[in-house]
Amino acid sequence: MEMSDVYLVNYLYIIYNKKRKLNLFFISCKDILDKKYS
């Protein structure tokens, strides 16, 4: 593996993690709203 590949994988991993955290955040917000209005 070349150095640029390592950077690319690292970059994609960071993006993936951010998206996952955002998804979890939205899911929990939705959950709270569902409980509030049920």
Protein backbone atom coordinates (compact mmCIF):
# COMPACT_ATOMS: atom_id res chain seq x y z
CA MET A 1 0.00 0.00 0.00
CA GLU A 2 1.29 3.42 -0.87
CA MET A 3 1.17 6.41 1.40
CA SER A 4 -1.57 8.09 -0.63
CA ASP A 5 -3.75 5.00 -0.24
CA VAL A 6 -3.38 5.20 3.51
CA TYR A 7 -4.48 8.84 3.48
CA LEU A 8 -7.44 8.05 1.27
CA VAL A 9 -8.64 5.20 3.46
CA ASN A 10 -8.20 7.33 6.55
CA TYR A 11 -10.15 10.18 4.97
CA LEU A 12 -13.01 7.91 3.92
CA TYR A 13 -13.10 6.38 7.37
CA ILE A 14 -13.41 9.79 9.01
CA ILE A 15 -16.24 10.77 6.65
CA TYR A 16 -17.98 7.46 7.30
CA ASN A 17 -17.73 7.99 11.06
CA LYS A 18 -19.13 11.51 10.83
CA LYS A 19 -22.07 10.34 8.76
CA ARG A 20 -22.74 7.53 11.20
CA LYS A 21 -22.69 9.90 14.16
CA LEU A 22 -25.04 12.28 12.35
CA ASN A 23 -27.37 9.39 11.57
CA LEU A 24 -27.38 8.30 15.20
CA PHE A 25 -28.08 11.87 16.23
CA PHE A 26 -31.06 12.18 13.88
CA ILE A 27 -32.40 8.79 14.91
CA SER A 28 -32.27 9.72 18.58
CA CYS A 29 -33.93 13.09 17.87
CA LYS A 30 -36.69 11.33 16.00
CA ASP A 31 -37.06 8.90 18.87
CA ILE A 32 -37.42 11.74 21.38
CA LEU A 33 -40.02 13.45 19.21
CA ASP A 34 -41.95 10.21 18.80
CA LYS A 35 -42.05 9.71 22.55
CA LYS A 36 -43.06 13.31 23.12
CA TYR A 37 -46.03 13.18 20.77
CA SER A 38 -47.21 9.66 21.41
